[in-house]
Amino acid sequence: MTTVTVVPVDLRLTLIALAAALAGASSCSSTTGPRTSATESGLAQAKAACIAYANTNRHQTTITARATTIRRERALHEAAQAAARVASWARLGRDMQRAFEHLHDSALAQNSGRPVETAAELQAYFAADERVAQDCRIAGYDLGPLRP
């Protein structure tokens, strides 16, 4: 014959412990810590910056210089807003700024009649663009391939 021993448990303590455990689990989306509205908002703005960057630089949805300037300004503005919410997104804005500077320098060279770019200038642009692509992957957006 098997004997079963019943241990009295205070149901209130069990429910409180369970509620605390569930509250802690729901506030953490990963091992990196809790997500707040600021981090969610920063992530959304970083993704918006990446979309604007892609539309300026990868997908070429603009056909005028003015429209391109507006898209670049939007990308930098969204990146700045993301950084205002979460400081680590400041890197995204800096990386975009570097890539845009390389493109600007290239356009100036082309318009002045000098050779468009040296190998070092091209490598610097590609490195800046790859840093933006990495930042955007962190934001959950794939820029897609860089095409000439």
C-alpha atoms as a PDB file:
ATOM      1  CA  MET A   1       0.000   0.000   0.000  1.00  0.00           C
ATOM      2  CA  THR A   2       1.304   3.458  -0.959  1.00  0.00           C
ATOM      3  CA  THR A   3       0.948   6.323   1.426  1.00  0.00           C
ATOM      4  CA  VAL A   4       0.436   9.836   0.084  1.00  0.00           C
ATOM      5  CA  THR A   5       1.375  12.726   2.291  1.00  0.00           C
ATOM      6  CA  VAL A   6      -0.431  15.997   1.689  1.00  0.00           C
ATOM      7  CA  VAL A   7       1.552  19.116   2.478  1.00  0.00           C
ATOM      8  CA  PRO A   8      -0.645  22.118   3.209  1.00  0.00           C
ATOM      9  CA  VAL A   9       0.197  25.021   0.891  1.00  0.00           C
ATOM     10  CA  ASP A  10      -0.965  28.544   1.297  1.00  0.00           C
ATOM     11  CA  LEU A  11      -2.701  29.156  -2.034  1.00  0.00           C
ATOM     12  CA  ARG A  12      -2.255  32.912  -1.723  1.00  0.00           C
ATOM     13  CA  LEU A  13       1.547  32.617  -1.550  1.00  0.00           C
ATOM     14  CA  THR A  14       1.576  30.306  -4.533  1.00  0.00           C
ATOM     15  CA  LEU A  15      -0.533  32.717  -6.600  1.00  0.00           C
ATOM     16  CA  ILE A  16       1.618  35.695  -5.607  1.00  0.00           C
ATOM     17  CA  ALA A  17       4.818  33.851  -6.557  1.00  0.00           C
ATOM     18  CA  LEU A  18       3.301  32.748  -9.856  1.00  0.00           C
ATOM     19  CA  ALA A  19       2.120  36.282 -10.653  1.00  0.00           C
ATOM     20  CA  ALA A  20       5.561  37.709  -9.867  1.00  0.00           C
ATOM     21  CA  ALA A  21       7.271  35.141 -12.063  1.00  0.00           C
ATOM     22  CA  LEU A  22       4.900  35.815 -14.959  1.00  0.00           C
ATOM     23  CA  ALA A  23       5.259  39.590 -14.622  1.00  0.00           C
ATOM     24  CA  GLY A  24       9.040  39.291 -14.749  1.00  0.00           C
ATOM     25  CA  ALA A  25       8.928  37.040 -17.784  1.00  0.00           C
ATOM     26  CA  SER A  26       6.547  39.260 -19.735  1.00  0.00           C
ATOM     27  CA  SER A  27       8.609  42.396 -19.217  1.00  0.00           C
ATOM     28  CA  CYS A  28      11.680  40.842 -20.832  1.00  0.00           C
ATOM     29  CA  SER A  29      11.687  40.172 -24.510  1.00  0.00           C
ATOM     30  CA  SER A  30      15.148  38.673 -24.460  1.00  0.00           C
ATOM     31  CA  THR A  31      18.190  38.291 -22.291  1.00  0.00           C
ATOM     32  CA  THR A  32      19.143  41.890 -23.029  1.00  0.00           C
ATOM     33  CA  GLY A  33      16.644  43.264 -20.546  1.00  0.00           C
ATOM     34  CA  PRO A  34      13.218  44.779 -20.411  1.00  0.00           C
ATOM     35  CA  ARG A  35      11.739  46.604 -23.352  1.00  0.00           C
ATOM     36  CA  THR A  36      10.247  49.984 -22.682  1.00  0.00           C
ATOM     37  CA  SER A  37       8.146  52.254 -24.813  1.00  0.00           C
ATOM     38  CA  ALA A  38      11.294  54.302 -25.464  1.00  0.00           C
ATOM     39  CA  THR A  39      13.200  51.304 -26.795  1.00  0.00           C
ATOM     40  CA  GLU A  40      10.239  50.202 -28.905  1.00  0.00           C
ATOM     41  CA  SER A  41       9.849  53.734 -30.260  1.00  0.00           C
ATOM     42  CA  GLY A  42      13.587  54.017 -30.883  1.00  0.00           C
ATOM     43  CA  LEU A  43      13.554  50.725 -32.755  1.00  0.00           C
ATOM     44  CA  ALA A  44      10.597  51.847 -34.888  1.00  0.00           C
ATOM     45  CA  GLN A  45      12.348  55.110 -35.762  1.00  0.00           C
ATOM     46  CA  ALA A  46      15.601  53.339 -36.540  1.00  0.00           C
ATOM     47  CA  LYS A  47      13.678  51.090 -38.923  1.00  0.00           C
ATOM     48  CA  ALA A  48      12.019  54.164 -40.503  1.00  0.00           C
ATOM     49  CA  ALA A  49      15.487  55.693 -40.953  1.00  0.00           C
ATOM     50  CA  CYS A  50      16.652  52.508 -42.653  1.00  0.00           C
ATOM     51  CA  ILE A  51      13.687  52.534 -45.021  1.00  0.00           C
ATOM     52  CA  ALA A  52      14.384  56.163 -45.965  1.00  0.00           C
ATOM     53  CA  TYR A  53      18.082  55.345 -46.449  1.00  0.00           C
ATOM     54  CA  ALA A  54      17.215  52.372 -48.648  1.00  0.00           C
ATOM     55  CA  ASN A  55      14.860  54.491 -50.741  1.00  0.00           C
ATOM     56  CA  THR A  56      17.616  57.040 -51.210  1.00  0.00           C
ATOM     57  CA  ASN A  57      20.554  54.762 -51.677  1.00  0.00           C
ATOM     58  CA  ARG A  58      19.461  51.240 -52.511  1.00  0.00           C
ATOM     59  CA  HIS A  59      16.124  51.357 -54.280  1.00  0.00           C
ATOM     60  CA  GLN A  60      16.462  54.742 -55.966  1.00  0.00           C
ATOM     61  CA  THR A  61      12.804  55.693 -55.760  1.00  0.00           C
ATOM     62  CA  THR A  62      13.622  59.377 -56.281  1.00  0.00           C
ATOM     63  CA  ILE A  63      14.335  60.964 -59.640  1.00  0.00           C
ATOM     64  CA  THR A  64      15.290  64.524 -58.726  1.00  0.00           C
ATOM     65  CA  ALA A  65      18.169  65.871 -56.681  1.00  0.00           C
ATOM     66  CA  ARG A  66      15.701  67.721 -54.427  1.00  0.00           C
ATOM     67  CA  ALA A  67      13.700  64.564 -53.726  1.00  0.00           C
ATOM     68  CA  THR A  68      16.908  62.704 -52.906  1.00  0.00           C
ATOM     69  CA  THR A  69      17.947  65.471 -50.512  1.00  0.00           C
ATOM     70  CA  ILE A  70      14.567  65.284 -48.779  1.00  0.00           C
ATOM     71  CA  ARG A  71      14.857  61.508 -48.375  1.00  0.00           C
ATOM     72  CA  ARG A  72      18.379  61.816 -46.986  1.00  0.00           C
ATOM     73  CA  GLU A  73      17.243  64.480 -44.534  1.00  0.00           C
ATOM     74  CA  ARG A  74      14.371  62.232 -43.469  1.00  0.00           C
ATOM     75  CA  ALA A  75      16.709  59.277 -42.926  1.00  0.00           C
ATOM     76  CA  LEU A  76      19.023  61.398 -40.773  1.00  0.00           C
ATOM     77  CA  HIS A  77      16.077  62.917 -38.872  1.00  0.00           C
ATOM     78  CA  GLU A  78      14.582  59.492 -38.104  1.00  0.00           C
ATOM     79  CA  ALA A  79      18.008  58.231 -36.996  1.00  0.00           C
ATOM     80  CA  ALA A  80      18.394  61.260 -34.709  1.00  0.00           C
ATOM     81  CA  GLN A  81      14.944  60.630 -33.230  1.00  0.00           C
ATOM     82  CA  ALA A  82      15.870  56.988 -32.602  1.00  0.00           C
ATOM     83  CA  ALA A  83      19.067  58.115 -30.869  1.00  0.00           C
ATOM     84  CA  ALA A  84      17.104  60.586 -28.753  1.00  0.00           C
ATOM     85  CA  ARG A  85      15.086  57.656 -27.414  1.00  0.00           C
ATOM     86  CA  VAL A  86      17.885  55.100 -27.189  1.00  0.00           C
ATOM     87  CA  ALA A  87      21.460  56.383 -27.214  1.00  0.00           C
ATOM     88  CA  SER A  88      22.878  53.316 -28.952  1.00  0.00           C
ATOM     89  CA  TRP A  89      21.047  54.294 -32.169  1.00  0.00           C
ATOM     90  CA  ALA A  90      23.357  57.332 -32.519  1.00  0.00           C
ATOM     91  CA  ARG A  91      25.709  55.021 -34.417  1.00  0.00           C
ATOM     92  CA  LEU A  92      23.063  54.586 -37.136  1.00  0.00           C
ATOM     93  CA  GLY A  93      22.924  58.336 -37.786  1.00  0.00           C
ATOM     94  CA  ARG A  94      26.718  58.653 -37.821  1.00  0.00           C
ATOM     95  CA  ASP A  95      27.060  55.751 -40.231  1.00  0.00           C
ATOM     96  CA  MET A  96      24.383  57.179 -42.533  1.00  0.00           C
ATOM     97  CA  GLN A  97      26.039  60.586 -42.443  1.00  0.00           C
ATOM     98  CA  ARG A  98      29.380  59.062 -43.489  1.00  0.00           C
ATOM     99  CA  ALA A  99      27.792  57.144 -46.354  1.00  0.00           C
ATOM    100  CA  PHE A 100      25.933  60.259 -47.537  1.00  0.00           C
ATOM    101  CA  GLU A 101      29.153  62.311 -47.348  1.00  0.00           C
ATOM    102  CA  HIS A 102      30.931  59.801 -49.575  1.00  0.00           C
ATOM    103  CA  LEU A 103      28.072  59.978 -52.091  1.00  0.00           C
ATOM    104  CA  HIS A 104      28.123  63.772 -51.982  1.00  0.00           C
ATOM    105  CA  ASP A 105      31.875  63.875 -52.562  1.00  0.00           C
ATOM    106  CA  SER A 106      31.454  61.500 -55.480  1.00  0.00           C
ATOM    107  CA  ALA A 107      28.779  63.720 -57.043  1.00  0.00           C
ATOM    108  CA  LEU A 108      30.967  66.807 -56.616  1.00  0.00           C
ATOM    109  CA  ALA A 109      33.865  65.024 -58.304  1.00  0.00           C
ATOM    110  CA  GLN A 110      31.689  63.889 -61.168  1.00  0.00           C
ATOM    111  CA  ASN A 111      30.214  67.371 -61.658  1.00  0.00           C
ATOM    112  CA  SER A 112      33.654  69.005 -61.599  1.00  0.00           C
ATOM    113  CA  GLY A 113      35.030  66.720 -64.279  1.00  0.00           C
ATOM    114  CA  ARG A 114      37.656  65.023 -62.134  1.00  0.00           C
ATOM    115  CA  PRO A 115      37.806  61.245 -61.875  1.00  0.00           C
ATOM    116  CA  VAL A 116      34.810  60.116 -59.904  1.00  0.00           C
ATOM    117  CA  GLU A 117      36.519  58.129 -57.187  1.00  0.00           C
ATOM    118  CA  THR A 118      39.737  56.473 -56.288  1.00  0.00           C
ATOM    119  CA  ALA A 119      39.790  52.898 -55.040  1.00  0.00           C
ATOM    120  CA  ALA A 120      40.262  54.179 -51.474  1.00  0.00           C
ATOM    121  CA  GLU A 121      37.229  56.470 -51.768  1.00  0.00           C
ATOM    122  CA  LEU A 122      35.126  53.611 -53.104  1.00  0.00           C
ATOM    123  CA  GLN A 123      36.249  51.312 -50.298  1.00  0.00           C
ATOM    124  CA  ALA A 124      35.441  53.994 -47.726  1.00  0.00           C
ATOM    125  CA  TYR A 125      31.936  54.391 -49.155  1.00  0.00           C
ATOM    126  CA  PHE A 126      31.304  50.635 -49.251  1.00  0.00           C
ATOM    127  CA  ALA A 127      32.533  50.305 -45.661  1.00  0.00           C
ATOM    128  CA  ALA A 128      30.228  53.119 -44.514  1.00  0.00           C
ATOM    129  CA  ASP A 129      27.296  51.610 -46.379  1.00  0.00           C
ATOM    130  CA  GLU A 130      27.981  48.172 -44.879  1.00  0.00           C
ATOM    131  CA  ARG A 131      27.963  49.695 -41.378  1.00  0.00           C
ATOM    132  CA  VAL A 132      24.533  51.188 -42.155  1.00  0.00           C
ATOM    133  CA  ALA A 133      23.363  47.792 -43.418  1.00  0.00           C
ATOM    134  CA  GLN A 134      24.525  46.148 -40.179  1.00  0.00           C
ATOM    135  CA  ASP A 135      22.757  48.810 -38.092  1.00  0.00           C
ATOM    136  CA  CYS A 136      19.589  48.263 -40.108  1.00  0.00           C
ATOM    137  CA  ARG A 137      19.722  44.497 -39.638  1.00  0.00           C
ATOM    138  CA  ILE A 138      19.798  45.153 -35.885  1.00  0.00           C
ATOM    139  CA  ALA A 139      16.725  47.349 -36.368  1.00  0.00           C
ATOM    140  CA  GLY A 140      15.017  44.471 -38.157  1.00  0.00           C
ATOM    141  CA  TYR A 141      15.262  45.864 -41.680  1.00  0.00           C
ATOM    142  CA  ASP A 142      17.227  44.367 -44.560  1.00  0.00           C
ATOM    143  CA  LEU A 143      18.453  47.058 -46.949  1.00  0.00           C
ATOM    144  CA  GLY A 144      18.841  44.580 -49.757  1.00  0.00           C
ATOM    145  CA  PRO A 145      21.720  44.468 -52.200  1.00  0.00           C
ATOM    146  CA  LEU A 146      23.742  47.529 -53.121  1.00  0.00           C
ATOM    147  CA  ARG A 147      23.456  48.018 -56.852  1.00  0.00           C
ATOM    148  CA  PRO A 148      25.241  50.527 -59.080  1.00  0.00           C
END
